[in-house]
Amino acid sequence: MKVKLKVWRQKDTRSAGEFRLYETPDLNVNMSFLEMLDVVNEQLTLKGEEPIAFDHDCREGICGTCSLVINGKPHGPHRGVATCQTYMRSFQDGDIIIVEPWRARPFPVVKDLVVTRQALDKIMQAGGYISVRTGAAPDANSIPISKENADLAMDAAACIGCGACVAACKNASAMLFTAAKVSQLGLLPQGQPERYRRVKRMVEAMDEAGFGACTVTGSCEAVCPKNISLDFIARLNRDYLVASLKGGAKHG
């Protein structure tokens, strides 16, 4: 199969970008989308042209590095998979595929399809950890945790921090990401001492980084490669309300 790619090219953060059209050589339908870009880049290099810059690492849907908007949808046409898990058999021979970077002010373009997601790191630095002394590793089952809470904490921990939720949101909100990170720790006994201070600090860091407000459209949940539930946003809001009553949080 062959497809045409309409790819966003941008030299750096300060430069204006534009779409450029490329035609692929013959492709194996079982190639991943990133493998297809590798083939296109090899072709461009042989012609003496600048290859397309894009992020990638594990290519197993684990790291969250791959960050492409494909035909208007973060990570591509399928639900519950990352860009690296999207295969060329998802498209038809002769298709024109539009490939863009994440579009959000807190995610400035570094080059072509590469954006910096340091704004998410700032949210994590504000409270996405446990700093209290928890002692040595406890024996199994020595700290009672209900199965419901354990399962919910694992569901929240599945977030890979890719930022697709931000890219899909009309407000560029990072609420789903922040809610998953807050809930992951807030559901466990070790996270209780800092539970309300954590949510206050992380939400305020999210606001300071320039992310928009959540209006619960559900677009974030729809594109999340790990199917993180909107229920975690409700959980964050409840904890934030308590934090506000306890210590005067700033978030409106």
Protein backbone atom coordinates (compact mmCIF):
# COMPACT_ATOMS: atom_id res chain seq x y z
CA MET A 1 0.00 0.00 0.00
CA LYS A 2 0.97 3.65 -0.46
CA VAL A 3 -0.37 6.71 1.33
CA LYS A 4 0.21 10.43 1.17
CA LEU A 5 1.25 12.26 4.33
CA LYS A 6 0.38 15.86 5.04
CA VAL A 7 2.92 16.52 7.79
CA TRP A 8 3.43 19.60 9.96
CA ARG A 9 7.01 20.89 9.55
CA GLN A 10 8.39 23.53 11.89
CA LYS A 11 12.07 24.37 12.33
CA ASP A 12 11.84 25.43 15.98
CA THR A 13 9.57 27.05 18.56
CA ARG A 14 10.03 30.55 17.17
CA SER A 15 9.59 29.67 13.49
CA ALA A 16 6.32 29.52 11.59
CA GLY A 17 5.25 26.05 10.55
CA GLU A 18 3.47 24.62 7.54
CA PHE A 19 2.09 21.38 6.18
CA ARG A 20 4.13 19.55 3.56
CA LEU A 21 2.98 16.67 1.42
CA TYR A 22 4.97 13.44 1.16
CA GLU A 23 4.22 10.20 -0.69
CA THR A 24 5.37 6.97 0.90
CA PRO A 25 7.01 4.09 -0.91
CA ASP A 26 5.29 0.70 -0.85
CA LEU A 27 4.42 -0.17 2.74
CA ASN A 28 3.66 -3.36 4.61
CA VAL A 29 0.16 -3.03 6.06
CA ASN A 30 1.44 -4.55 9.32
CA MET A 31 3.90 -1.72 9.91
CA SER A 32 3.23 0.49 12.89
CA PHE A 33 2.64 4.18 12.21
CA LEU A 34 6.07 4.99 13.63
CA GLU A 35 7.74 2.35 11.46
CA MET A 36 6.08 3.99 8.47
CA LEU A 37 7.60 7.34 9.49
CA ASP A 38 10.99 5.62 9.79
CA VAL A 39 10.65 4.47 6.17
CA VAL A 40 9.66 7.96 5.02
CA ASN A 41 12.60 9.48 6.91
CA GLU A 42 15.01 7.01 5.34
CA GLN A 43 13.70 8.05 1.93
CA LEU A 44 14.09 11.75 2.79
CA THR A 45 17.63 11.21 4.08
CA LEU A 46 18.65 9.44 0.87
CA LYS A 47 17.37 12.46 -1.06
CA GLY A 48 19.42 14.79 1.13
CA GLU A 49 16.32 16.30 2.77
CA GLU A 50 15.70 16.96 6.46
CA PRO A 51 13.94 13.96 8.09
CA ILE A 52 10.70 14.49 10.02
CA ALA A 53 11.35 14.92 13.75
CA PHE A 54 8.99 12.94 15.98
CA ASP A 55 9.10 11.57 19.53
CA HIS A 56 9.41 7.86 20.24
CA ASP A 57 10.98 5.54 22.78
CA CYS A 58 9.60 2.17 23.90
CA ARG A 59 7.19 1.68 20.97
CA GLU A 60 5.15 -0.64 23.18
CA GLY A 61 2.47 1.73 24.47
CA ILE A 62 4.19 2.08 27.84
CA CYS A 63 6.25 5.27 27.92
CA GLY A 64 3.80 7.82 26.47
CA THR A 65 6.51 9.46 24.36
CA CYS A 66 4.80 9.04 20.98
CA SER A 67 2.58 12.09 20.58
CA LEU A 68 1.00 12.57 17.19
CA VAL A 69 -2.39 13.88 16.13
CA ILE A 70 -3.45 11.68 13.22
CA ASN A 71 -6.34 12.93 11.09
CA GLY A 72 -7.42 15.21 13.90
CA LYS A 73 -7.35 12.63 16.70
CA PRO A 74 -4.55 12.22 19.24
CA HIS A 75 -2.87 8.83 18.79
CA GLY A 76 -4.97 7.96 15.73
CA PRO A 77 -8.30 6.36 14.85
CA HIS A 78 -8.54 3.64 17.50
CA ARG A 79 -9.50 3.86 21.17
CA GLY A 80 -7.23 2.70 23.96
CA VAL A 81 -3.96 2.61 22.00
CA ALA A 82 -0.98 4.92 21.62
CA THR A 83 0.46 6.13 18.30
CA CYS A 84 3.08 3.38 18.36
CA GLN A 85 0.28 0.79 18.56
CA THR A 86 -1.52 2.18 15.52
CA TYR A 87 -0.85 0.13 12.39
CA MET A 88 -1.01 0.97 8.70
CA ARG A 89 -3.75 -1.60 8.22
CA SER A 90 -5.99 0.99 9.90
CA PHE A 91 -5.80 3.04 6.68
CA GLN A 92 -6.62 2.46 3.03
CA ASP A 93 -4.32 2.46 0.04
CA GLY A 94 -4.14 5.99 -1.37
CA ASP A 95 -5.34 7.71 1.82
CA ILE A 96 -4.16 11.20 2.66
CA ILE A 97 -3.15 11.19 6.33
CA ILE A 98 -2.74 14.46 8.22
CA VAL A 99 -0.06 14.31 10.91
CA GLU A 100 0.32 17.10 13.49
CA PRO A 101 1.93 17.65 16.89
CA TRP A 102 -0.06 18.11 20.11
CA ARG A 103 -1.83 21.49 19.86
CA ALA A 104 -1.79 23.21 23.25
CA ARG A 105 -0.13 26.37 24.53
CA PRO A 106 1.54 24.55 27.46
CA PHE A 107 3.09 22.15 24.89
CA PRO A 108 5.21 24.38 22.61
CA VAL A 109 6.58 22.77 19.45
CA VAL A 110 10.31 22.02 19.62
CA LYS A 111 10.60 20.83 16.02
CA ASP A 112 8.16 19.37 13.51
CA LEU A 113 6.06 16.86 15.49
CA VAL A 114 8.05 17.12 18.73
CA VAL A 115 6.62 19.14 21.62
CA THR A 116 7.92 19.70 25.14
CA ARG A 117 5.68 18.41 27.92
CA GLN A 118 7.66 19.89 30.80
CA ALA A 119 4.44 21.48 32.04
CA LEU A 120 3.27 18.01 33.09
CA ASP A 121 6.56 17.50 34.93
CA LYS A 122 5.90 20.70 36.90
CA ILE A 123 2.56 19.31 38.04
CA MET A 124 4.26 16.13 39.23
CA GLN A 125 7.00 18.08 40.98
CA ALA A 126 4.34 20.01 42.88
CA GLY A 127 2.98 16.95 44.65
CA GLY A 128 3.02 13.71 42.66
CA TYR A 129 5.04 11.85 45.26
CA ILE A 130 5.04 10.64 48.86
CA SER A 131 7.63 12.45 51.02
CA VAL A 132 6.62 11.13 54.44
CA ARG A 133 8.66 8.31 55.93
CA THR A 134 6.93 5.01 55.25
CA GLY A 135 9.62 2.72 56.66
CA ALA A 136 10.91 -0.45 55.05
CA ALA A 137 8.84 -2.49 52.64
CA PRO A 138 6.00 -4.02 54.70
CA ASP A 139 5.06 -7.66 54.65
CA ALA A 140 2.29 -8.56 52.24
CA ASN A 141 -1.19 -7.80 53.58
CA SER A 142 0.17 -6.03 56.68
CA ILE A 143 -1.57 -2.80 55.63
CA PRO A 144 -5.26 -3.43 54.95
CA ILE A 145 -6.39 -1.96 51.61
CA SER A 146 -9.79 -2.73 50.17
CA LYS A 147 -9.81 -4.43 46.79
CA GLU A 148 -11.93 -1.60 45.40
CA ASN A 149 -9.35 1.04 46.37
CA ALA A 150 -6.44 -1.11 45.24
CA ASP A 151 -8.06 -1.64 41.83
CA LEU A 152 -8.88 2.06 41.46
CA ALA A 153 -5.32 3.03 42.40
CA MET A 154 -3.99 0.65 39.75
CA ASP A 155 -6.39 2.09 37.17
CA ALA A 156 -5.14 5.61 37.96
CA ALA A 157 -1.51 4.47 37.89
CA ALA A 158 -2.01 3.27 34.31
CA CYS A 159 -1.69 6.90 33.13
CA ILE A 160 1.47 7.19 31.01
CA GLY A 161 1.53 11.00 30.94
CA CYS A 162 1.42 11.27 27.16
CA GLY A 163 -0.70 14.44 27.17
CA ALA A 164 -3.30 13.23 24.67
CA CYS A 165 -6.01 14.42 27.08
CA VAL A 166 -4.64 17.95 26.83
CA ALA A 167 -4.35 17.82 23.05
CA ALA A 168 -7.94 16.63 22.67
CA CYS A 169 -9.49 19.13 25.08
CA LYS A 170 -10.89 22.35 23.58
CA ASN A 171 -9.60 24.14 26.70
CA ALA A 172 -6.23 22.34 26.78
CA SER A 173 -7.07 21.12 30.28
CA ALA A 174 -4.77 18.72 32.11
CA MET A 175 -7.43 17.66 34.60
CA LEU A 176 -7.52 13.99 33.58
CA PHE A 177 -3.74 13.67 33.90
CA THR A 178 -3.69 15.53 37.24
CA ALA A 179 -6.68 13.59 38.56
CA ALA A 180 -5.04 10.26 37.75
CA LYS A 181 -1.80 11.24 39.50
CA VAL A 182 -3.64 12.65 42.53
CA SER A 183 -5.93 9.62 42.82
CA GLN A 184 -3.17 7.06 42.41
CA LEU A 185 -1.62 8.17 45.70
CA GLY A 186 -4.73 9.47 47.44
CA LEU A 187 -6.40 6.07 47.35
CA LEU A 188 -3.59 4.33 49.26
CA PRO A 189 -2.78 4.48 52.99
CA GLN A 190 0.74 5.79 52.34
CA GLY A 191 -0.72 8.76 50.49
CA GLN A 192 -3.11 9.90 53.23
CA PRO A 193 -0.82 12.20 55.28
CA GLU A 194 -0.27 14.51 52.27
CA ARG A 195 -3.55 13.84 50.50
CA TYR A 196 -5.11 17.31 50.64
CA ARG A 197 -1.88 19.27 50.47
CA ARG A 198 -0.99 17.22 47.38
CA VAL A 199 -4.19 17.98 45.47
CA LYS A 200 -3.97 21.68 46.32
CA ARG A 201 -0.39 22.00 45.11
CA MET A 202 -0.87 19.95 41.94
CA VAL A 203 -3.99 21.79 40.84
CA GLU A 204 -2.36 25.15 41.46
CA ALA A 205 0.72 24.04 39.49
CA MET A 206 -1.61 22.99 36.66
CA ASP A 207 -3.18 26.45 36.61
CA GLU A 208 0.19 28.20 36.76
CA ALA A 209 1.46 26.14 33.81
CA GLY A 210 -1.29 27.61 31.61
CA PHE A 211 -3.63 24.67 31.22
CA GLY A 212 -7.30 25.53 30.71
CA ALA A 213 -10.32 24.75 32.84
CA CYS A 214 -12.15 21.43 32.66
CA THR A 215 -15.67 21.62 31.22
CA VAL A 216 -16.17 17.82 31.28
CA THR A 217 -16.71 17.28 27.55
CA GLY A 218 -15.25 13.78 27.82
CA SER A 219 -12.85 14.27 24.90
CA CYS A 220 -9.92 13.47 27.22
CA GLU A 221 -11.31 10.09 28.21
CA ALA A 222 -12.13 9.29 24.57
CA VAL A 223 -8.51 9.61 23.41
CA CYS A 224 -6.67 8.32 26.47
CA PRO A 225 -4.55 5.31 25.40
CA LYS A 226 -5.05 3.78 28.86
CA ASN A 227 -8.79 4.52 29.14
CA ILE A 228 -8.44 6.62 32.29
CA SER A 229 -11.95 7.35 33.56
CA LEU A 230 -13.54 10.77 34.08
CA ASP A 231 -14.51 9.47 37.52
CA PHE A 232 -11.03 10.42 38.70
CA ILE A 233 -11.76 14.08 37.89
CA ALA A 234 -14.80 13.89 40.19
CA ARG A 235 -12.57 12.37 42.88
CA LEU A 236 -10.01 15.18 42.45
CA ASN A 237 -12.75 17.81 42.72
CA ARG A 238 -14.02 16.30 45.98
CA ASP A 239 -10.52 16.25 47.46
CA TYR A 240 -9.85 19.78 46.25
CA LEU A 241 -13.02 21.03 47.92
CA VAL A 242 -11.90 19.53 51.22
CA ALA A 243 -8.42 21.03 50.72
CA SER A 244 -10.01 24.42 50.08
CA LEU A 245 -12.02 24.24 53.30
CA LYS A 246 -8.94 23.13 55.22
CA GLY A 247 -6.45 25.65 53.87
CA GLY A 248 -7.84 28.15 51.41
CA ALA A 249 -6.84 26.80 48.02
CA LYS A 250 -6.72 29.29 45.14
CA HIS A 251 -8.39 27.31 42.34
CA GLY A 252 -11.75 28.66 41.25
